[in-house]
Structure formats: C-alpha cells, structure tokens
C-alpha cells in the first residue's frame, strides 16, 4: 500500500512538472523572438495551437474566449506568414462570386467562413447567433449548428482580422469592409429622388461588367433566393440608368456595352431594349436602333406572343427624342 501511494505521488509530481514546463515553453515562445511560423516548423505549439493543447473544447476557439479576433496567416513556402496589414481597406465582392480583397490582395477564406460573411453582408445589420446558425445549417440540431457557427466565425477572423464584428450574442460585418452590393441597394433606395447625384457617382467602383454578373452564381442556399432576385432587379435598373447617363456624356461605346448587358441579362425586358435603342440613337446610328427594335419585336412575339409597347415604338418614330435620364451632376 505504501509503495502504491508513493508511485501515485510521484506520477502526480511528474504531471505537474510537465504541465509547468509546457506553460513556460508557451510563454517563452509568446515573448521571445521565435515567430509563430518558425514554431510551427519546429513542431512547437504556439498561439491558438497552444490553447488547443491545453484542453480547449471543440468549437471553443481563441477568438470566442478572448473576444478579440486572431490575426490572419497564410501558407508561403511551408511557413505561415501573416498576410493582414492594418490600415489597408477591405472590399467584399459578391457579384460574380465571393471575393475578399485587402488592398489589391485576395484573402483566401474557407467555405464556411464565406457563407457567414456573405449572409452578414447582405443583411447589413447585427444578427443573433441562433438566427445565423439556423439559417446557415438548417438540417442540423441547434447544438451542432451553433458549434458550426463558432467554427466558421473563428475561421473568418483567423483568415482576415476583424472581418466579422462580435458584440455579445450578435454578429455583424466589420465596419471597415466595403461591399459592392450595398452600393446597388443605395442606388435603388434613391429611386426617382435621384437629382443631386448621378448614377455614375452612386455606382462608383461598380463597372457595367460587374453589374452583368449574378449574385453568388454558384451558390444554392435557400436563404439566398430572395436576395438574388432583389439584386437582379437592382442590376437591371442600374444598367439602364447608367447607359442613359453614359450616352449623355458622349461615352457611346460604354453606353452600348452597358445596355447590351441589360438585354443579355433579361432578353424579354422592354426597358432594356429601349435603353439600347436610345444608346444607338444618341450615337447617330438610326439603322442600328431600328435593327434592335426589330430584334425586340421578334423576341416578344416568339417568347410571349405580344407586341412591343407604344413607348418603345415612339423611340423609332421620334428618333430625335433625347435619352430619358437627365440627371447628370
């Protein structure tokens, strides 16, 4: 019995000694000149890895414990190199696919982090974790979906510092992240009251080519259906308004390309054909305008069994009429 007690005591002392050595080593790595990337190469835990080695629960990531995100790192030649730099703006593109840029550099994001960031960007307000978890992982239990959300949150802020803001139980997109779709939404809200500024000014940074791209085209999440249709309508109106303004400014090639993108996006939309006809007339090409009218007439007859409206007929019968947009600042 005495020998057993001695052995147990020795084992406990050994475990305590090993634990203290590990803590001292982690503290040394944190404060010394050994960078995190080199400690990984040497096989020594540091940062989030050290926390994981001391019994961190699955999904209980460092960013959740401390309330502050962890800096970004990316693989470069076998080493993990920090790729986020403070002061450089973030731009999030959702048209044509999700792309997060810091300056001119693209930030690689895991798919779970992409879905979280996209949802926060489209809702543009703080969202509760329960709501996010249920929307992003509808087929999982509440416990499992919340665990997946914690993982996605950690991955997002690990890849790009402060891209997701944490406030209690709510999450939102970081205030410094600029989103292309939000410019479209602001354009749509202005509507008929757009007098002080022009469409070109409001859509600054969004080209006609970007406007021709679908919202996250390769995604099939149910929560995205309504957002995609809303953005599609905004894109069509933006392309038509932009075409008219470009014509008024004498940028006829860009105006024709822009209105062509609207026609391609929705071939049965008469206002898109009208914008293209106005662009041809503004350039002085009446024959091109007439050809486009006949193309519109054929499309409507074959697809919908209807004739073009009187408004679009007036464009051909009265070619001297200027483009409808006169809101150039």
C-alpha atoms as a PDB file:
ATOM      1  CA  UNK A   1       0.000   0.000   0.000  1.00  0.00           C
ATOM      2  CA  UNK A   2       2.843   2.369   0.831  1.00  0.00           C
ATOM      3  CA  UNK A   3       4.548   1.660  -2.483  1.00  0.00           C
ATOM      4  CA  UNK A   4       1.305   2.363  -4.397  1.00  0.00           C
ATOM      5  CA  UNK A   5       0.900   5.710  -2.660  1.00  0.00           C
ATOM      6  CA  UNK A   6       4.487   6.593  -3.433  1.00  0.00           C
ATOM      7  CA  UNK A   7       4.022   5.753  -7.081  1.00  0.00           C
ATOM      8  CA  UNK A   8       0.831   7.824  -7.313  1.00  0.00           C
ATOM      9  CA  UNK A   9       2.519  10.769  -5.635  1.00  0.00           C
ATOM     10  CA  UNK A  10       5.496  10.505  -7.991  1.00  0.00           C
ATOM     11  CA  UNK A  11       3.181  10.362 -11.016  1.00  0.00           C
ATOM     12  CA  UNK A  12       1.296  13.466  -9.847  1.00  0.00           C
ATOM     13  CA  UNK A  13       4.518  15.361  -9.320  1.00  0.00           C
ATOM     14  CA  UNK A  14       5.687  14.350 -12.778  1.00  0.00           C
ATOM     15  CA  UNK A  15       2.417  15.546 -14.365  1.00  0.00           C
ATOM     16  CA  UNK A  16       2.686  18.863 -12.535  1.00  0.00           C
ATOM     17  CA  UNK A  17       6.259  19.278 -13.713  1.00  0.00           C
ATOM     18  CA  UNK A  18       5.343  18.510 -17.334  1.00  0.00           C
ATOM     19  CA  UNK A  19       2.433  20.978 -17.206  1.00  0.00           C
ATOM     20  CA  UNK A  20       4.643  23.714 -15.786  1.00  0.00           C
ATOM     21  CA  UNK A  21       7.279  23.050 -18.458  1.00  0.00           C
ATOM     22  CA  UNK A  22       4.657  23.345 -21.192  1.00  0.00           C
ATOM     23  CA  UNK A  23       3.318  26.623 -19.810  1.00  0.00           C
ATOM     24  CA  UNK A  24       6.829  28.026 -19.502  1.00  0.00           C
ATOM     25  CA  UNK A  25       7.601  26.948 -23.072  1.00  0.00           C
ATOM     26  CA  UNK A  26       4.410  28.551 -24.422  1.00  0.00           C
ATOM     27  CA  UNK A  27       5.142  31.768 -22.518  1.00  0.00           C
ATOM     28  CA  UNK A  28       8.696  31.746 -23.831  1.00  0.00           C
ATOM     29  CA  UNK A  29       7.500  31.328 -27.429  1.00  0.00           C
ATOM     30  CA  UNK A  30       4.991  34.137 -26.987  1.00  0.00           C
ATOM     31  CA  UNK A  31       7.501  36.610 -25.578  1.00  0.00           C
ATOM     32  CA  UNK A  32      10.673  35.530 -27.323  1.00  0.00           C
ATOM     33  CA  UNK A  33      11.956  36.236 -30.804  1.00  0.00           C
ATOM     34  CA  UNK A  34      10.746  32.884 -32.160  1.00  0.00           C
ATOM     35  CA  UNK A  35       7.930  33.731 -34.610  1.00  0.00           C
ATOM     36  CA  UNK A  36       4.790  31.689 -34.782  1.00  0.00           C
ATOM     37  CA  UNK A  37       5.618  30.393 -38.272  1.00  0.00           C
ATOM     38  CA  UNK A  38       9.013  29.092 -37.104  1.00  0.00           C
ATOM     39  CA  UNK A  39       7.496  27.459 -34.026  1.00  0.00           C
ATOM     40  CA  UNK A  40       5.111  25.598 -36.329  1.00  0.00           C
ATOM     41  CA  UNK A  41       8.038  24.464 -38.475  1.00  0.00           C
ATOM     42  CA  UNK A  42       9.899  23.212 -35.407  1.00  0.00           C
ATOM     43  CA  UNK A  43       6.825  21.315 -34.257  1.00  0.00           C
ATOM     44  CA  UNK A  44       6.252  23.524 -31.198  1.00  0.00           C
ATOM     45  CA  UNK A  45       2.755  24.761 -30.396  1.00  0.00           C
ATOM     46  CA  UNK A  46       2.089  28.470 -30.199  1.00  0.00           C
ATOM     47  CA  UNK A  47      -0.860  30.835 -30.198  1.00  0.00           C
ATOM     48  CA  UNK A  48      -4.113  29.037 -30.946  1.00  0.00           C
ATOM     49  CA  UNK A  49      -2.280  25.680 -31.092  1.00  0.00           C
ATOM     50  CA  UNK A  50      -1.041  26.112 -27.530  1.00  0.00           C
ATOM     51  CA  UNK A  51      -4.569  26.781 -26.371  1.00  0.00           C
ATOM     52  CA  UNK A  52      -5.747  23.703 -28.215  1.00  0.00           C
ATOM     53  CA  UNK A  53      -3.082  21.572 -26.499  1.00  0.00           C
ATOM     54  CA  UNK A  54      -4.285  22.659 -23.070  1.00  0.00           C
ATOM     55  CA  UNK A  55      -7.762  21.219 -23.423  1.00  0.00           C
ATOM     56  CA  UNK A  56      -9.798  23.739 -25.477  1.00  0.00           C
ATOM     57  CA  UNK A  57     -13.180  22.262 -26.332  1.00  0.00           C
ATOM     58  CA  UNK A  58     -14.181  21.647 -29.951  1.00  0.00           C
ATOM     59  CA  UNK A  59     -15.590  24.882 -31.393  1.00  0.00           C
ATOM     60  CA  UNK A  60     -14.398  26.928 -28.376  1.00  0.00           C
ATOM     61  CA  UNK A  61     -11.876  28.966 -30.359  1.00  0.00           C
ATOM     62  CA  UNK A  62      -9.499  31.614 -29.010  1.00  0.00           C
ATOM     63  CA  UNK A  63     -11.459  34.414 -30.667  1.00  0.00           C
ATOM     64  CA  UNK A  64     -14.539  33.311 -28.733  1.00  0.00           C
ATOM     65  CA  UNK A  65     -12.710  33.222 -25.388  1.00  0.00           C
ATOM     66  CA  UNK A  66     -10.870  36.483 -25.601  1.00  0.00           C
ATOM     67  CA  UNK A  67     -13.483  38.450 -27.536  1.00  0.00           C
ATOM     68  CA  UNK A  68     -10.840  39.605 -29.998  1.00  0.00           C
ATOM     69  CA  UNK A  69     -10.009  38.085 -33.391  1.00  0.00           C
ATOM     70  CA  UNK A  70      -6.746  36.385 -34.191  1.00  0.00           C
ATOM     71  CA  UNK A  71      -4.504  37.718 -36.918  1.00  0.00           C
ATOM     72  CA  UNK A  72      -4.509  36.215 -40.375  1.00  0.00           C
ATOM     73  CA  UNK A  73      -1.829  33.861 -41.607  1.00  0.00           C
ATOM     74  CA  UNK A  74      -1.341  32.091 -44.906  1.00  0.00           C
ATOM     75  CA  UNK A  75       0.970  29.388 -46.207  1.00  0.00           C
ATOM     76  CA  UNK A  76       4.058  30.625 -48.019  1.00  0.00           C
ATOM     77  CA  UNK A  77       6.859  28.221 -48.749  1.00  0.00           C
ATOM     78  CA  UNK A  78       5.859  25.892 -45.927  1.00  0.00           C
ATOM     79  CA  UNK A  79       5.735  28.702 -43.346  1.00  0.00           C
ATOM     80  CA  UNK A  80       2.702  30.553 -42.017  1.00  0.00           C
ATOM     81  CA  UNK A  81       3.097  34.211 -42.844  1.00  0.00           C
ATOM     82  CA  UNK A  82       0.866  36.984 -41.527  1.00  0.00           C
ATOM     83  CA  UNK A  83      -0.981  38.493 -44.509  1.00  0.00           C
ATOM     84  CA  UNK A  84      -3.187  41.138 -42.874  1.00  0.00           C
ATOM     85  CA  UNK A  85      -1.898  44.654 -42.517  1.00  0.00           C
ATOM     86  CA  UNK A  86      -3.717  47.326 -40.508  1.00  0.00           C
ATOM     87  CA  UNK A  87      -4.800  50.413 -42.405  1.00  0.00           C
ATOM     88  CA  UNK A  88      -5.487  48.666 -45.709  1.00  0.00           C
ATOM     89  CA  UNK A  89      -9.186  48.751 -46.688  1.00  0.00           C
ATOM     90  CA  UNK A  90     -11.236  45.590 -47.157  1.00  0.00           C
ATOM     91  CA  UNK A  91     -13.514  45.199 -50.181  1.00  0.00           C
ATOM     92  CA  UNK A  92     -16.045  42.401 -50.434  1.00  0.00           C
ATOM     93  CA  UNK A  93     -17.368  41.488 -53.865  1.00  0.00           C
ATOM     94  CA  UNK A  94     -20.487  39.344 -54.105  1.00  0.00           C
ATOM     95  CA  UNK A  95     -21.300  39.888 -57.779  1.00  0.00           C
ATOM     96  CA  UNK A  96     -19.867  37.061 -59.867  1.00  0.00           C
ATOM     97  CA  UNK A  97     -18.728  35.151 -56.769  1.00  0.00           C
ATOM     98  CA  UNK A  98     -17.373  35.983 -53.343  1.00  0.00           C
ATOM     99  CA  UNK A  99     -14.010  37.716 -53.305  1.00  0.00           C
ATOM    100  CA  UNK A 100     -12.499  39.482 -50.286  1.00  0.00           C
ATOM    101  CA  UNK A 101      -9.703  41.917 -51.055  1.00  0.00           C
ATOM    102  CA  UNK A 102      -7.351  43.734 -48.732  1.00  0.00           C
ATOM    103  CA  UNK A 103      -5.872  46.414 -50.907  1.00  0.00           C
ATOM    104  CA  UNK A 104      -5.074  44.524 -54.109  1.00  0.00           C
ATOM    105  CA  UNK A 105      -4.503  41.156 -52.439  1.00  0.00           C
ATOM    106  CA  UNK A 106      -7.184  38.490 -52.288  1.00  0.00           C
ATOM    107  CA  UNK A 107      -7.794  36.864 -48.917  1.00  0.00           C
ATOM    108  CA  UNK A 108      -8.418  33.113 -49.015  1.00  0.00           C
ATOM    109  CA  UNK A 109     -11.462  32.064 -46.990  1.00  0.00           C
ATOM    110  CA  UNK A 110     -12.843  28.609 -46.144  1.00  0.00           C
ATOM    111  CA  UNK A 111     -16.337  27.932 -47.489  1.00  0.00           C
ATOM    112  CA  UNK A 112     -17.990  28.040 -44.059  1.00  0.00           C
ATOM    113  CA  UNK A 113     -16.474  31.481 -43.440  1.00  0.00           C
ATOM    114  CA  UNK A 114     -17.577  32.673 -46.893  1.00  0.00           C
ATOM    115  CA  UNK A 115     -21.208  31.748 -46.213  1.00  0.00           C
ATOM    116  CA  UNK A 116     -21.186  33.533 -42.853  1.00  0.00           C
ATOM    117  CA  UNK A 117     -19.602  36.680 -44.302  1.00  0.00           C
ATOM    118  CA  UNK A 118     -21.962  36.751 -47.296  1.00  0.00           C
ATOM    119  CA  UNK A 119     -25.056  36.472 -45.102  1.00  0.00           C
ATOM    120  CA  UNK A 120     -23.878  39.251 -42.773  1.00  0.00           C
ATOM    121  CA  UNK A 121     -23.059  41.464 -45.765  1.00  0.00           C
ATOM    122  CA  UNK A 122     -26.477  41.018 -47.373  1.00  0.00           C
ATOM    123  CA  UNK A 123     -28.467  41.554 -44.177  1.00  0.00           C
ATOM    124  CA  UNK A 124     -26.364  44.617 -43.226  1.00  0.00           C
ATOM    125  CA  UNK A 125     -27.359  44.537 -39.548  1.00  0.00           C
ATOM    126  CA  UNK A 126     -26.316  42.648 -36.400  1.00  0.00           C
ATOM    127  CA  UNK A 127     -27.778  39.131 -36.342  1.00  0.00           C
ATOM    128  CA  UNK A 128     -28.177  36.770 -33.409  1.00  0.00           C
ATOM    129  CA  UNK A 129     -26.118  33.609 -33.371  1.00  0.00           C
ATOM    130  CA  UNK A 130     -29.210  31.415 -33.082  1.00  0.00           C
ATOM    131  CA  UNK A 131     -30.683  33.025 -36.221  1.00  0.00           C
ATOM    132  CA  UNK A 132     -27.425  32.650 -38.154  1.00  0.00           C
ATOM    133  CA  UNK A 133     -26.902  29.045 -37.104  1.00  0.00           C
ATOM    134  CA  UNK A 134     -30.448  28.055 -38.049  1.00  0.00           C
ATOM    135  CA  UNK A 135     -30.259  29.780 -41.434  1.00  0.00           C
ATOM    136  CA  UNK A 136     -26.816  28.514 -42.442  1.00  0.00           C
ATOM    137  CA  UNK A 137     -27.215  24.942 -41.138  1.00  0.00           C
ATOM    138  CA  UNK A 138     -30.985  24.274 -41.241  1.00  0.00           C
ATOM    139  CA  UNK A 139     -30.623  20.475 -41.304  1.00  0.00           C
ATOM    140  CA  UNK A 140     -28.523  20.280 -38.124  1.00  0.00           C
ATOM    141  CA  UNK A 141     -29.563  20.325 -34.495  1.00  0.00           C
ATOM    142  CA  UNK A 142     -29.344  23.598 -32.589  1.00  0.00           C
ATOM    143  CA  UNK A 143     -26.258  22.412 -30.701  1.00  0.00           C
ATOM    144  CA  UNK A 144     -24.499  21.231 -33.850  1.00  0.00           C
ATOM    145  CA  UNK A 145     -25.365  24.337 -35.873  1.00  0.00           C
ATOM    146  CA  UNK A 146     -24.101  26.648 -33.105  1.00  0.00           C
ATOM    147  CA  UNK A 147     -20.865  24.673 -32.965  1.00  0.00           C
ATOM    148  CA  UNK A 148     -20.514  25.013 -36.760  1.00  0.00           C
ATOM    149  CA  UNK A 149     -21.143  28.744 -36.424  1.00  0.00           C
ATOM    150  CA  UNK A 150     -18.372  29.086 -33.831  1.00  0.00           C
ATOM    151  CA  UNK A 151     -16.007  27.266 -36.162  1.00  0.00           C
ATOM    152  CA  UNK A 152     -16.974  29.468 -39.131  1.00  0.00           C
ATOM    153  CA  UNK A 153     -16.544  32.612 -37.022  1.00  0.00           C
ATOM    154  CA  UNK A 154     -13.102  31.575 -35.865  1.00  0.00           C
ATOM    155  CA  UNK A 155     -12.040  30.690 -39.406  1.00  0.00           C
ATOM    156  CA  UNK A 156     -13.311  34.009 -40.775  1.00  0.00           C
ATOM    157  CA  UNK A 157     -11.452  36.172 -38.261  1.00  0.00           C
ATOM    158  CA  UNK A 158      -8.422  33.886 -38.390  1.00  0.00           C
ATOM    159  CA  UNK A 159      -8.193  34.389 -42.158  1.00  0.00           C
ATOM    160  CA  UNK A 160      -8.913  38.119 -42.045  1.00  0.00           C
ATOM    161  CA  UNK A 161      -8.684  40.144 -38.865  1.00  0.00           C
ATOM    162  CA  UNK A 162     -11.902  41.904 -37.783  1.00  0.00           C
ATOM    163  CA  UNK A 163     -13.902  40.935 -40.869  1.00  0.00           C
ATOM    164  CA  UNK A 164     -16.693  39.837 -38.505  1.00  0.00           C
ATOM    165  CA  UNK A 165     -17.540  42.065 -35.541  1.00  0.00           C
ATOM    166  CA  UNK A 166     -18.600  40.383 -32.288  1.00  0.00           C
ATOM    167  CA  UNK A 167     -20.936  42.139 -29.862  1.00  0.00           C
ATOM    168  CA  UNK A 168     -22.298  39.836 -27.186  1.00  0.00           C
ATOM    169  CA  UNK A 169     -24.501  37.225 -28.843  1.00  0.00           C
ATOM    170  CA  UNK A 170     -24.774  39.256 -32.059  1.00  0.00           C
ATOM    171  CA  UNK A 171     -22.544  39.227 -35.138  1.00  0.00           C
ATOM    172  CA  UNK A 172     -22.182  41.732 -37.955  1.00  0.00           C
ATOM    173  CA  UNK A 173     -19.801  42.506 -40.782  1.00  0.00           C
ATOM    174  CA  UNK A 174     -16.820  44.622 -39.786  1.00  0.00           C
ATOM    175  CA  UNK A 175     -17.430  48.351 -40.235  1.00  0.00           C
ATOM    176  CA  UNK A 176     -14.294  48.727 -42.379  1.00  0.00           C
ATOM    177  CA  UNK A 177     -15.465  46.216 -45.008  1.00  0.00           C
ATOM    178  CA  UNK A 178     -16.855  47.807 -48.191  1.00  0.00           C
ATOM    179  CA  UNK A 179     -19.454  45.699 -50.030  1.00  0.00           C
ATOM    180  CA  UNK A 180     -20.315  46.110 -53.727  1.00  0.00           C
ATOM    181  CA  UNK A 181     -23.974  45.104 -53.305  1.00  0.00           C
ATOM    182  CA  UNK A 182     -24.567  47.843 -50.728  1.00  0.00           C
ATOM    183  CA  UNK A 183     -23.843  50.440 -53.403  1.00  0.00           C
ATOM    184  CA  UNK A 184     -26.550  48.855 -55.538  1.00  0.00           C
ATOM    185  CA  UNK A 185     -29.023  48.888 -52.666  1.00  0.00           C
ATOM    186  CA  UNK A 186     -28.313  52.585 -52.005  1.00  0.00           C
ATOM    187  CA  UNK A 187     -28.855  53.263 -55.697  1.00  0.00           C
ATOM    188  CA  UNK A 188     -32.217  51.515 -55.566  1.00  0.00           C
ATOM    189  CA  UNK A 189     -33.336  53.401 -52.457  1.00  0.00           C
ATOM    190  CA  UNK A 190     -32.673  56.746 -54.148  1.00  0.00           C
ATOM    191  CA  UNK A 191     -35.141  55.844 -56.929  1.00  0.00           C
ATOM    192  CA  UNK A 192     -36.935  58.763 -58.512  1.00  0.00           C
ATOM    193  CA  UNK A 193     -35.412  61.178 -55.979  1.00  0.00           C
ATOM    194  CA  UNK A 194     -32.035  60.853 -57.644  1.00  0.00           C
ATOM    195  CA  UNK A 195     -31.452  64.524 -58.513  1.00  0.00           C
ATOM    196  CA  UNK A 196     -28.428  65.716 -56.578  1.00  0.00           C
ATOM    197  CA  UNK A 197     -26.131  62.941 -57.763  1.00  0.00           C
ATOM    198  CA  UNK A 198     -25.850  60.825 -60.874  1.00  0.00           C
ATOM    199  CA  UNK A 199     -25.970  57.055 -61.303  1.00  0.00           C
ATOM    200  CA  UNK A 200     -22.283  57.086 -62.212  1.00  0.00           C
ATOM    201  CA  UNK A 201     -21.464  58.741 -58.899  1.00  0.00           C
ATOM    202  CA  UNK A 202     -23.708  56.444 -56.860  1.00  0.00           C
ATOM    203  CA  UNK A 203     -22.341  53.323 -58.555  1.00  0.00           C
ATOM    204  CA  UNK A 204     -18.726  54.392 -58.154  1.00  0.00           C
ATOM    205  CA  UNK A 205     -16.482  51.353 -58.167  1.00  0.00           C
ATOM    206  CA  UNK A 206     -19.054  49.068 -59.846  1.00  0.00           C
ATOM    207  CA  UNK A 207     -18.459  48.601 -63.573  1.00  0.00           C
ATOM    208  CA  UNK A 208     -21.051  47.566 -66.141  1.00  0.00           C
ATOM    209  CA  UNK A 209     -19.301  44.200 -66.379  1.00  0.00           C
ATOM    210  CA  UNK A 210     -19.729  43.619 -62.640  1.00  0.00           C
ATOM    211  CA  UNK A 211     -23.375  44.653 -62.889  1.00  0.00           C
ATOM    212  CA  UNK A 212     -23.850  41.947 -65.519  1.00  0.00           C
ATOM    213  CA  UNK A 213     -22.766  39.251 -63.025  1.00  0.00           C
ATOM    214  CA  UNK A 214     -25.211  37.304 -60.840  1.00  0.00           C
ATOM    215  CA  UNK A 215     -25.112  37.428 -57.056  1.00  0.00           C
ATOM    216  CA  UNK A 216     -23.038  34.436 -55.876  1.00  0.00           C
ATOM    217  CA  UNK A 217     -23.972  32.417 -59.001  1.00  0.00           C
ATOM    218  CA  UNK A 218     -22.566  29.061 -57.850  1.00  0.00           C
ATOM    219  CA  UNK A 219     -24.398  29.041 -54.500  1.00  0.00           C
ATOM    220  CA  UNK A 220     -27.685  27.207 -53.980  1.00  0.00           C
ATOM    221  CA  UNK A 221     -28.616  28.149 -50.400  1.00  0.00           C
ATOM    222  CA  UNK A 222     -32.332  28.715 -49.849  1.00  0.00           C
ATOM    223  CA  UNK A 223     -31.754  31.911 -47.850  1.00  0.00           C
ATOM    224  CA  UNK A 224     -30.112  33.439 -50.934  1.00  0.00           C
ATOM    225  CA  UNK A 225     -33.112  33.169 -53.304  1.00  0.00           C
ATOM    226  CA  UNK A 226     -34.863  36.421 -52.335  1.00  0.00           C
ATOM    227  CA  UNK A 227     -31.596  38.360 -52.105  1.00  0.00           C
ATOM    228  CA  UNK A 228     -30.568  37.175 -55.561  1.00  0.00           C
ATOM    229  CA  UNK A 229     -33.848  38.331 -57.134  1.00  0.00           C
ATOM    230  CA  UNK A 230     -33.676  41.704 -55.367  1.00  0.00           C
ATOM    231  CA  UNK A 231     -30.123  42.266 -56.580  1.00  0.00           C
ATOM    232  CA  UNK A 232     -31.065  41.136 -60.119  1.00  0.00           C
ATOM    233  CA  UNK A 233     -33.766  43.818 -60.334  1.00  0.00           C
ATOM    234  CA  UNK A 234     -31.364  46.441 -58.994  1.00  0.00           C
ATOM    235  CA  UNK A 235     -28.735  45.419 -61.523  1.00  0.00           C
ATOM    236  CA  UNK A 236     -31.174  45.810 -64.415  1.00  0.00           C
ATOM    237  CA  UNK A 237     -32.276  49.288 -63.307  1.00  0.00           C
ATOM    238  CA  UNK A 238     -28.673  50.320 -62.684  1.00  0.00           C
ATOM    239  CA  UNK A 239     -27.537  49.146 -66.141  1.00  0.00           C
ATOM    240  CA  UNK A 240     -30.353  51.045 -67.865  1.00  0.00           C
ATOM    241  CA  UNK A 241     -29.752  54.277 -65.917  1.00  0.00           C
ATOM    242  CA  UNK A 242     -26.015  54.004 -66.391  1.00  0.00           C
ATOM    243  CA  UNK A 243     -26.425  53.546 -70.152  1.00  0.00           C
ATOM    244  CA  UNK A 244     -28.526  56.699 -70.453  1.00  0.00           C
ATOM    245  CA  UNK A 245     -26.031  58.772 -68.485  1.00  0.00           C
ATOM    246  CA  UNK A 246     -23.075  57.480 -70.457  1.00  0.00           C
ATOM    247  CA  UNK A 247     -24.857  58.482 -73.673  1.00  0.00           C
ATOM    248  CA  UNK A 248     -25.489  61.986 -72.334  1.00  0.00           C
ATOM    249  CA  UNK A 249     -21.779  62.276 -71.531  1.00  0.00           C
ATOM    250  CA  UNK A 250     -20.815  61.190 -75.052  1.00  0.00           C
ATOM    251  CA  UNK A 251     -19.397  57.826 -73.952  1.00  0.00           C
ATOM    252  CA  UNK A 252     -21.318  55.920 -76.598  1.00  0.00           C
ATOM    253  CA  UNK A 253     -19.273  52.710 -76.663  1.00  0.00           C
ATOM    254  CA  UNK A 254     -19.631  52.253 -72.910  1.00  0.00           C
ATOM    255  CA  UNK A 255     -23.343  53.117 -73.132  1.00  0.00           C
ATOM    256  CA  UNK A 256     -23.969  50.456 -75.783  1.00  0.00           C
ATOM    257  CA  UNK A 257     -21.996  47.828 -73.857  1.00  0.00           C
ATOM    258  CA  UNK A 258     -23.918  48.635 -70.691  1.00  0.00           C
ATOM    259  CA  UNK A 259     -27.361  48.410 -72.295  1.00  0.00           C
ATOM    260  CA  UNK A 260     -26.329  45.229 -74.142  1.00  0.00           C
ATOM    261  CA  UNK A 261     -25.506  43.707 -70.754  1.00  0.00           C
ATOM    262  CA  UNK A 262     -29.046  44.552 -69.580  1.00  0.00           C
ATOM    263  CA  UNK A 263     -30.570  42.920 -72.672  1.00  0.00           C
ATOM    264  CA  UNK A 264     -28.438  39.819 -72.182  1.00  0.00           C
ATOM    265  CA  UNK A 265     -29.436  39.650 -68.536  1.00  0.00           C
ATOM    266  CA  UNK A 266     -33.168  39.808 -69.362  1.00  0.00           C
ATOM    267  CA  UNK A 267     -33.936  39.371 -73.107  1.00  0.00           C
ATOM    268  CA  UNK A 268     -37.698  39.955 -72.692  1.00  0.00           C
ATOM    269  CA  UNK A 269     -37.309  43.234 -70.772  1.00  0.00           C
ATOM    270  CA  UNK A 270     -38.548  46.067 -72.985  1.00  0.00           C
ATOM    271  CA  UNK A 271     -36.876  48.822 -70.967  1.00  0.00           C
ATOM    272  CA  UNK A 272     -33.501  47.133 -71.535  1.00  0.00           C
ATOM    273  CA  UNK A 273     -34.115  47.115 -75.314  1.00  0.00           C
ATOM    274  CA  UNK A 274     -35.265  50.726 -75.086  1.00  0.00           C
ATOM    275  CA  UNK A 275     -32.018  51.712 -73.360  1.00  0.00           C
ATOM    276  CA  UNK A 276     -30.019  50.058 -76.160  1.00  0.00           C
ATOM    277  CA  UNK A 277     -32.114  51.778 -78.830  1.00  0.00           C
ATOM    278  CA  UNK A 278     -31.555  55.151 -77.128  1.00  0.00           C
ATOM    279  CA  UNK A 279     -27.814  54.467 -76.997  1.00  0.00           C
ATOM    280  CA  UNK A 280     -27.716  53.786 -80.745  1.00  0.00           C
ATOM    281  CA  UNK A 281     -29.769  56.899 -81.498  1.00  0.00           C
ATOM    282  CA  UNK A 282     -27.553  59.057 -79.266  1.00  0.00           C
ATOM    283  CA  UNK A 283     -24.553  57.901 -81.310  1.00  0.00           C
ATOM    284  CA  UNK A 284     -26.426  58.724 -84.526  1.00  0.00           C
ATOM    285  CA  UNK A 285     -26.907  55.132 -85.703  1.00  0.00           C
ATOM    286  CA  UNK A 286     -30.594  55.011 -86.625  1.00  0.00           C
ATOM    287  CA  UNK A 287     -30.149  51.784 -88.597  1.00  0.00           C
ATOM    288  CA  UNK A 288     -28.757  50.035 -85.504  1.00  0.00           C
ATOM    289  CA  UNK A 289     -31.644  51.355 -83.439  1.00  0.00           C
ATOM    290  CA  UNK A 290     -34.168  50.034 -85.969  1.00  0.00           C
ATOM    291  CA  UNK A 291     -32.436  46.661 -86.090  1.00  0.00           C
ATOM    292  CA  UNK A 292     -32.588  46.419 -82.295  1.00  0.00           C
ATOM    293  CA  UNK A 293     -36.277  47.325 -82.324  1.00  0.00           C
ATOM    294  CA  UNK A 294     -36.994  44.519 -84.786  1.00  0.00           C
ATOM    295  CA  UNK A 295     -34.977  42.102 -82.704  1.00  0.00           C
ATOM    296  CA  UNK A 296     -37.049  43.083 -79.649  1.00  0.00           C
ATOM    297  CA  UNK A 297     -40.234  42.685 -81.698  1.00  0.00           C
ATOM    298  CA  UNK A 298     -39.240  39.162 -82.790  1.00  0.00           C
ATOM    299  CA  UNK A 299     -38.255  38.098 -79.274  1.00  0.00           C
ATOM    300  CA  UNK A 300     -41.520  39.284 -77.744  1.00  0.00           C
ATOM    301  CA  UNK A 301     -43.596  37.663 -80.481  1.00  0.00           C
ATOM    302  CA  UNK A 302     -41.789  34.308 -80.260  1.00  0.00           C
ATOM    303  CA  UNK A 303     -41.487  34.115 -76.480  1.00  0.00           C
ATOM    304  CA  UNK A 304     -44.543  35.957 -75.146  1.00  0.00           C
ATOM    305  CA  UNK A 305     -46.846  36.392 -78.177  1.00  0.00           C
ATOM    306  CA  UNK A 306     -47.069  40.143 -77.565  1.00  0.00           C
ATOM    307  CA  UNK A 307     -46.086  43.285 -79.462  1.00  0.00           C
ATOM    308  CA  UNK A 308     -43.673  45.964 -78.222  1.00  0.00           C
ATOM    309  CA  UNK A 309     -45.271  48.727 -76.166  1.00  0.00           C
ATOM    310  CA  UNK A 310     -46.157  52.137 -77.541  1.00  0.00           C
ATOM    311  CA  UNK A 311     -43.318  53.709 -75.554  1.00  0.00           C
ATOM    312  CA  UNK A 312     -40.644  51.717 -77.382  1.00  0.00           C
ATOM    313  CA  UNK A 313     -42.359  52.329 -80.746  1.00  0.00           C
ATOM    314  CA  UNK A 314     -42.175  56.068 -80.091  1.00  0.00           C
ATOM    315  CA  UNK A 315     -38.389  55.817 -79.910  1.00  0.00           C
ATOM    316  CA  UNK A 316     -38.294  54.682 -83.531  1.00  0.00           C
ATOM    317  CA  UNK A 317     -40.975  57.032 -84.809  1.00  0.00           C
ATOM    318  CA  UNK A 318     -39.401  60.005 -82.971  1.00  0.00           C
ATOM    319  CA  UNK A 319     -35.630  59.355 -83.036  1.00  0.00           C
ATOM    320  CA  UNK A 320     -34.800  62.971 -82.107  1.00  0.00           C
ATOM    321  CA  UNK A 321     -36.045  62.377 -78.560  1.00  0.00           C
ATOM    322  CA  UNK A 322     -33.118  62.531 -76.121  1.00  0.00           C
ATOM    323  CA  UNK A 323     -32.303  59.765 -73.596  1.00  0.00           C
ATOM    324  CA  UNK A 324     -34.767  59.871 -70.710  1.00  0.00           C
ATOM    325  CA  UNK A 325     -32.098  60.350 -67.993  1.00  0.00           C
ATOM    326  CA  UNK A 326     -31.223  63.970 -67.460  1.00  0.00           C
ATOM    327  CA  UNK A 327     -29.723  63.716 -64.027  1.00  0.00           C
ATOM    328  CA  UNK A 328     -26.097  64.481 -64.720  1.00  0.00           C
ATOM    329  CA  UNK A 329     -24.465  66.355 -61.891  1.00  0.00           C
END
